[in-house]
C-alpha atoms as a PDB file:
ATOM      1  CA  MET A   1      20.828 -12.635   7.106  1.00  0.00           C
ATOM      2  CA  LYS A   2      24.376 -11.427   7.754  1.00  0.00           C
ATOM      3  CA  LEU A   3      25.286  -9.468  10.875  1.00  0.00           C
ATOM      4  CA  VAL A   4      27.791  -6.613  10.433  1.00  0.00           C
ATOM      5  CA  ALA A   5      28.532  -4.657  13.622  1.00  0.00           C
ATOM      6  CA  ASP A   6      25.111  -3.293  14.613  1.00  0.00           C
ATOM      7  CA  GLN A   7      23.729  -3.609  11.098  1.00  0.00           C
ATOM      8  CA  GLN A   8      22.136  -6.523   9.313  1.00  0.00           C
ATOM      9  CA  THR A   9      21.833  -7.247   5.628  1.00  0.00           C
ATOM     10  CA  ILE A  10      18.354  -8.272   4.607  1.00  0.00           C
ATOM     11  CA  ARG A  11      17.253  -9.572   1.232  1.00  0.00           C
ATOM     12  CA  PHE A  12      13.714  -9.367  -0.045  1.00  0.00           C
ATOM     13  CA  THR A  13      11.683  -8.887  -3.194  1.00  0.00           C
ATOM     14  CA  LEU A  14      10.539  -5.296  -3.672  1.00  0.00           C
ATOM     15  CA  ASN A  15       7.831  -4.730  -6.271  1.00  0.00           C
ATOM     16  CA  GLY A  16       8.934  -7.872  -8.088  1.00  0.00           C
ATOM     17  CA  LYS A  17      12.704  -7.261  -7.987  1.00  0.00           C
ATOM     18  CA  PRO A  18      15.204  -8.880  -5.608  1.00  0.00           C
ATOM     19  CA  VAL A  19      16.974  -6.310  -3.432  1.00  0.00           C
ATOM     20  CA  GLU A  20      19.075  -6.130  -0.314  1.00  0.00           C
ATOM     21  CA  ALA A  21      19.542  -3.492   2.334  1.00  0.00           C
ATOM     22  CA  ASN A  22      21.769  -2.889   5.318  1.00  0.00           C
ATOM     23  CA  ILE A  23      19.590  -2.005   8.275  1.00  0.00           C
ATOM     24  CA  ALA A  24      19.935  -1.163  11.928  1.00  0.00           C
ATOM     25  CA  PRO A  25      17.796  -3.231  14.325  1.00  0.00           C
ATOM     26  CA  HIS A  26      15.460  -0.295  14.978  1.00  0.00           C
ATOM     27  CA  HIS A  27      14.706   0.557  11.321  1.00  0.00           C
ATOM     28  CA  ASN A  28      11.134   0.169  10.185  1.00  0.00           C
ATOM     29  CA  VAL A  29       9.883  -0.689   6.698  1.00  0.00           C
ATOM     30  CA  VAL A  30       9.118   2.944   5.778  1.00  0.00           C
ATOM     31  CA  GLU A  31      12.750   3.897   6.457  1.00  0.00           C
ATOM     32  CA  VAL A  32      14.045   1.047   4.305  1.00  0.00           C
ATOM     33  CA  LEU A  33      11.713   1.917   1.426  1.00  0.00           C
ATOM     34  CA  GLN A  34      12.923   5.512   1.478  1.00  0.00           C
ATOM     35  CA  ASN A  35      16.469   4.216   0.925  1.00  0.00           C
ATOM     36  CA  PHE A  36      15.161   2.780  -2.357  1.00  0.00           C
ATOM     37  CA  GLY A  37      13.627   6.134  -3.353  1.00  0.00           C
ATOM     38  CA  LEU A  38      10.082   4.967  -2.575  1.00  0.00           C
ATOM     39  CA  PHE A  39       8.103   7.563  -0.664  1.00  0.00           C
ATOM     40  CA  GLY A  40       4.492   6.408  -1.179  1.00  0.00           C
ATOM     41  CA  ALA A  41       4.352   4.758   2.255  1.00  0.00           C
ATOM     42  CA  ARG A  42       4.549   7.663   4.660  1.00  0.00           C
ATOM     43  CA  GLU A  43       4.898   7.731   8.395  1.00  0.00           C
ATOM     44  CA  SER A  44       2.173   9.922   9.800  1.00  0.00           C
ATOM     45  CA  CYS A  45       0.812   8.845  13.176  1.00  0.00           C
ATOM     46  CA  GLY A  46       3.713   6.524  14.050  1.00  0.00           C
ATOM     47  CA  GLN A  47       1.241   4.248  15.858  1.00  0.00           C
ATOM     48  CA  GLY A  48      -0.215   2.133  13.055  1.00  0.00           C
ATOM     49  CA  LEU A  49      -3.584   3.842  13.300  1.00  0.00           C
ATOM     50  CA  CYS A  50      -3.899   5.918  10.114  1.00  0.00           C
ATOM     51  CA  GLY A  51      -2.883   3.653   7.212  1.00  0.00           C
ATOM     52  CA  CYS A  52      -0.607   6.197   5.510  1.00  0.00           C
ATOM     53  CA  CYS A  53       2.336   3.810   5.844  1.00  0.00           C
ATOM     54  CA  THR A  54       0.539   0.749   4.424  1.00  0.00           C
ATOM     55  CA  VAL A  55       2.644  -1.733   2.472  1.00  0.00           C
ATOM     56  CA  ILE A  56       1.874  -5.301   1.453  1.00  0.00           C
ATOM     57  CA  VAL A  57       4.176  -8.003   2.860  1.00  0.00           C
ATOM     58  CA  ASN A  58       3.606 -11.507   1.516  1.00  0.00           C
ATOM     59  CA  GLY A  59       0.081 -10.527   0.504  1.00  0.00           C
ATOM     60  CA  LYS A  60      -0.923  -8.929   3.802  1.00  0.00           C
ATOM     61  CA  ALA A  61      -1.268  -5.242   4.544  1.00  0.00           C
ATOM     62  CA  VAL A  62       1.003  -4.054   7.341  1.00  0.00           C
ATOM     63  CA  SER A  63       1.719  -0.729   8.995  1.00  0.00           C
ATOM     64  CA  GLY A  64       5.186   0.134   7.715  1.00  0.00           C
ATOM     65  CA  CYS A  65       5.788   2.515  10.602  1.00  0.00           C
ATOM     66  CA  LEU A  66       5.511  -0.303  13.151  1.00  0.00           C
ATOM     67  CA  TYR A  67       6.793  -3.234  11.125  1.00  0.00           C
ATOM     68  CA  LEU A  68      10.486  -3.688  11.779  1.00  0.00           C
ATOM     69  CA  ALA A  69      12.599  -3.967   8.648  1.00  0.00           C
ATOM     70  CA  VAL A  70      14.228  -7.168   9.900  1.00  0.00           C
ATOM     71  CA  PHE A  71      10.845  -8.896   9.476  1.00  0.00           C
ATOM     72  CA  ILE A  72      10.841  -8.343   5.703  1.00  0.00           C
ATOM     73  CA  ASP A  73      13.966 -10.453   5.216  1.00  0.00           C
ATOM     74  CA  GLY A  74      13.024 -13.155   2.690  1.00  0.00           C
ATOM     75  CA  THR A  75       9.583 -11.706   1.950  1.00  0.00           C
ATOM     76  CA  GLU A  76       7.790 -10.097  -0.974  1.00  0.00           C
ATOM     77  CA  VAL A  77       7.048  -6.421  -0.394  1.00  0.00           C
ATOM     78  CA  SER A  78       4.677  -4.425  -2.592  1.00  0.00           C
ATOM     79  CA  THR A  79       4.269  -0.653  -2.493  1.00  0.00           C
ATOM     80  CA  VAL A  80       1.992   1.747  -4.295  1.00  0.00           C
ATOM     81  CA  GLU A  81       4.846   2.491  -6.708  1.00  0.00           C
ATOM     82  CA  GLY A  82       4.825  -1.179  -7.728  1.00  0.00           C
ATOM     83  CA  LEU A  83       1.258  -0.808  -8.973  1.00  0.00           C
ATOM     84  CA  ALA A  84       2.416   1.512 -11.759  1.00  0.00           C
ATOM     85  CA  PRO A  85       5.334  -0.196 -13.499  1.00  0.00           C
ATOM     86  CA  GLY A  86       6.756   1.947 -16.249  1.00  0.00           C
ATOM     87  CA  GLY A  87       4.583   4.842 -15.085  1.00  0.00           C
ATOM     88  CA  ARG A  88       1.313   3.231 -16.260  1.00  0.00           C
ATOM     89  CA  LEU A  89      -1.264   3.642 -13.504  1.00  0.00           C
ATOM     90  CA  SER A  90      -3.352   0.709 -12.310  1.00  0.00           C
ATOM     91  CA  ASP A  91      -7.109   0.739 -12.751  1.00  0.00           C
ATOM     92  CA  VAL A  92      -7.522   1.548  -9.051  1.00  0.00           C
ATOM     93  CA  GLN A  93      -5.162   4.523  -9.311  1.00  0.00           C
ATOM     94  CA  GLU A  94      -7.032   5.717 -12.415  1.00  0.00           C
ATOM     95  CA  SER A  95     -10.349   5.367 -10.607  1.00  0.00           C
ATOM     96  CA  PHE A  96      -9.096   7.483  -7.698  1.00  0.00           C
ATOM     97  CA  ILE A  97      -8.212  10.214 -10.201  1.00  0.00           C
ATOM     98  CA  GLU A  98     -11.473   9.919 -12.158  1.00  0.00           C
ATOM     99  CA  ASN A  99     -13.556  10.091  -8.978  1.00  0.00           C
ATOM    100  CA  GLY A 100     -11.550  12.793  -7.190  1.00  0.00           C
ATOM    101  CA  ALA A 101     -10.892  10.356  -4.335  1.00  0.00           C
ATOM    102  CA  PHE A 102      -8.157  12.478  -2.786  1.00  0.00           C
ATOM    103  CA  GLN A 103      -7.359  16.064  -1.912  1.00  0.00           C
ATOM    104  CA  CYS A 104      -3.954  16.461  -0.325  1.00  0.00           C
ATOM    105  CA  GLY A 105      -2.951  12.920  -1.377  1.00  0.00           C
ATOM    106  CA  PHE A 106      -1.064  12.066   1.800  1.00  0.00           C
ATOM    107  CA  CYS A 107      -3.283   9.063   2.625  1.00  0.00           C
ATOM    108  CA  THR A 108      -3.935   8.024  -0.971  1.00  0.00           C
ATOM    109  CA  PRO A 109      -1.143   5.417  -1.375  1.00  0.00           C
ATOM    110  CA  GLY A 110      -2.381   3.470   1.650  1.00  0.00           C
ATOM    111  CA  PHE A 111      -5.973   3.588   0.431  1.00  0.00           C
ATOM    112  CA  VAL A 112      -4.965   2.499  -3.076  1.00  0.00           C
ATOM    113  CA  LEU A 113      -3.063  -0.535  -1.751  1.00  0.00           C
ATOM    114  CA  MET A 114      -5.961  -1.511   0.489  1.00  0.00           C
ATOM    115  CA  VAL A 115      -8.442  -1.170  -2.387  1.00  0.00           C
ATOM    116  CA  HIS A 116      -6.246  -3.384  -4.585  1.00  0.00           C
ATOM    117  CA  GLN A 117      -6.203  -5.985  -1.844  1.00  0.00           C
ATOM    118  CA  LEU A 118      -9.951  -5.652  -1.199  1.00  0.00           C
ATOM    119  CA  LEU A 119     -10.819  -6.176  -4.865  1.00  0.00           C
ATOM    120  CA  GLU A 120      -8.534  -9.214  -5.096  1.00  0.00           C
ATOM    121  CA  ARG A 121     -10.458 -10.802  -2.225  1.00  0.00           C
ATOM    122  CA  HIS A 122     -13.934  -9.390  -2.928  1.00  0.00           C
ATOM    123  CA  PRO A 123     -14.301  -8.403  -6.602  1.00  0.00           C
ATOM    124  CA  ASP A 124     -17.781  -6.930  -6.063  1.00  0.00           C
ATOM    125  CA  PRO A 125     -17.875  -5.553  -2.511  1.00  0.00           C
ATOM    126  CA  SER A 126     -20.921  -3.934  -0.947  1.00  0.00           C
ATOM    127  CA  GLU A 127     -20.604  -0.446   0.506  1.00  0.00           C
ATOM    128  CA  GLU A 128     -20.540  -1.977   3.988  1.00  0.00           C
ATOM    129  CA  GLU A 129     -17.681  -4.307   2.995  1.00  0.00           C
ATOM    130  CA  ILE A 130     -15.758  -1.389   1.486  1.00  0.00           C
ATOM    131  CA  ARG A 131     -16.199   0.720   4.603  1.00  0.00           C
ATOM    132  CA  HIS A 132     -15.204  -2.149   6.884  1.00  0.00           C
ATOM    133  CA  TYR A 133     -12.137  -3.095   4.817  1.00  0.00           C
ATOM    134  CA  LEU A 134     -10.883   0.496   4.639  1.00  0.00           C
ATOM    135  CA  SER A 135     -11.687   1.340   8.268  1.00  0.00           C
ATOM    136  CA  GLY A 136      -7.995   1.251   9.232  1.00  0.00           C
ATOM    137  CA  ASN A 137      -7.150   4.056   6.812  1.00  0.00           C
ATOM    138  CA  LEU A 138      -7.863   7.652   7.706  1.00  0.00           C
ATOM    139  CA  CYS A 139      -8.327  10.622   5.375  1.00  0.00           C
ATOM    140  CA  ARG A 140      -8.032  13.976   7.075  1.00  0.00           C
ATOM    141  CA  CYS A 141      -9.529  15.695   4.039  1.00  0.00           C
ATOM    142  CA  ALA A 142     -12.653  13.503   4.377  1.00  0.00           C
ATOM    143  CA  THR A 143     -12.881  12.250   0.795  1.00  0.00           C
ATOM    144  CA  TYR A 144     -14.592   9.067   1.968  1.00  0.00           C
ATOM    145  CA  PRO A 145     -17.612   9.350  -0.383  1.00  0.00           C
ATOM    146  CA  GLN A 146     -15.296   9.737  -3.381  1.00  0.00           C
ATOM    147  CA  ILE A 147     -13.141   6.821  -2.214  1.00  0.00           C
ATOM    148  CA  ILE A 148     -16.235   4.593  -1.951  1.00  0.00           C
ATOM    149  CA  GLU A 149     -17.254   5.712  -5.449  1.00  0.00           C
ATOM    150  CA  ALA A 150     -13.766   4.993  -6.801  1.00  0.00           C
ATOM    151  CA  VAL A 151     -13.938   1.446  -5.415  1.00  0.00           C
ATOM    152  CA  ARG A 152     -17.427   0.858  -6.838  1.00  0.00           C
ATOM    153  CA  SER A 153     -16.403   2.284 -10.192  1.00  0.00           C
ATOM    154  CA  VAL A 154     -13.340   0.088 -10.643  1.00  0.00           C
ATOM    155  CA  ALA A 155     -15.256  -2.993  -9.432  1.00  0.00           C
ATOM    156  CA  GLU A 156     -17.970  -2.347 -12.026  1.00  0.00           C
ATOM    157  CA  LYS A 157     -15.439  -1.750 -14.808  1.00  0.00           C
ATOM    158  CA  ARG A 158     -13.671  -4.999 -13.954  1.00  0.00           C
ATOM    159  CA  LYS A 159     -16.990  -6.880 -13.916  1.00  0.00           C
ATOM    160  CA  ALA A 160     -17.974  -5.405 -17.308  1.00  0.00           C
ATOM    161  CA  SER A 161     -14.620  -6.252 -18.865  1.00  0.00           C
ATOM    162  CA  ALA A 162     -14.799  -9.836 -17.528  1.00  0.00           C
ATOM    163  CA  ALA A 163     -18.272 -10.242 -19.033  1.00  0.00           C
ATOM    164  CA  ALA A 164     -17.145  -8.951 -22.449  1.00  0.00           C
END
């Protein structure tokens, strides 16, 4: 980390690529990501309560609105955009589309990241596990039944493809 006046240079891996950014001490992760043209993580509540700003830092979901950018120096950061390299959607993103698991789409990136993480840890989650794992993400359009179905659908497809 290099200090320049009131700015710092941080270096981190963003969706698999090494990057650097000059940040002010008060910048949060969402602000830094926007400088890279990534707008999937969105600040909504500004209190870490809704999940719209979810990003993955070193394998853990964090609230990008509360997580200071200085803390991502030397880390690996994954965003929803990183799940679709070259524009090819992930199976979770496809399942959200197939199951209509969104309306306005504002919360969708946070849910998609959390579902990816859930399925990495629990490949065949029960409905109770899904609800518990996603409880930190809020959908104002109330597409919760479709989100649960999207998770179940992708889990079943993954199980079927592993068995084949």
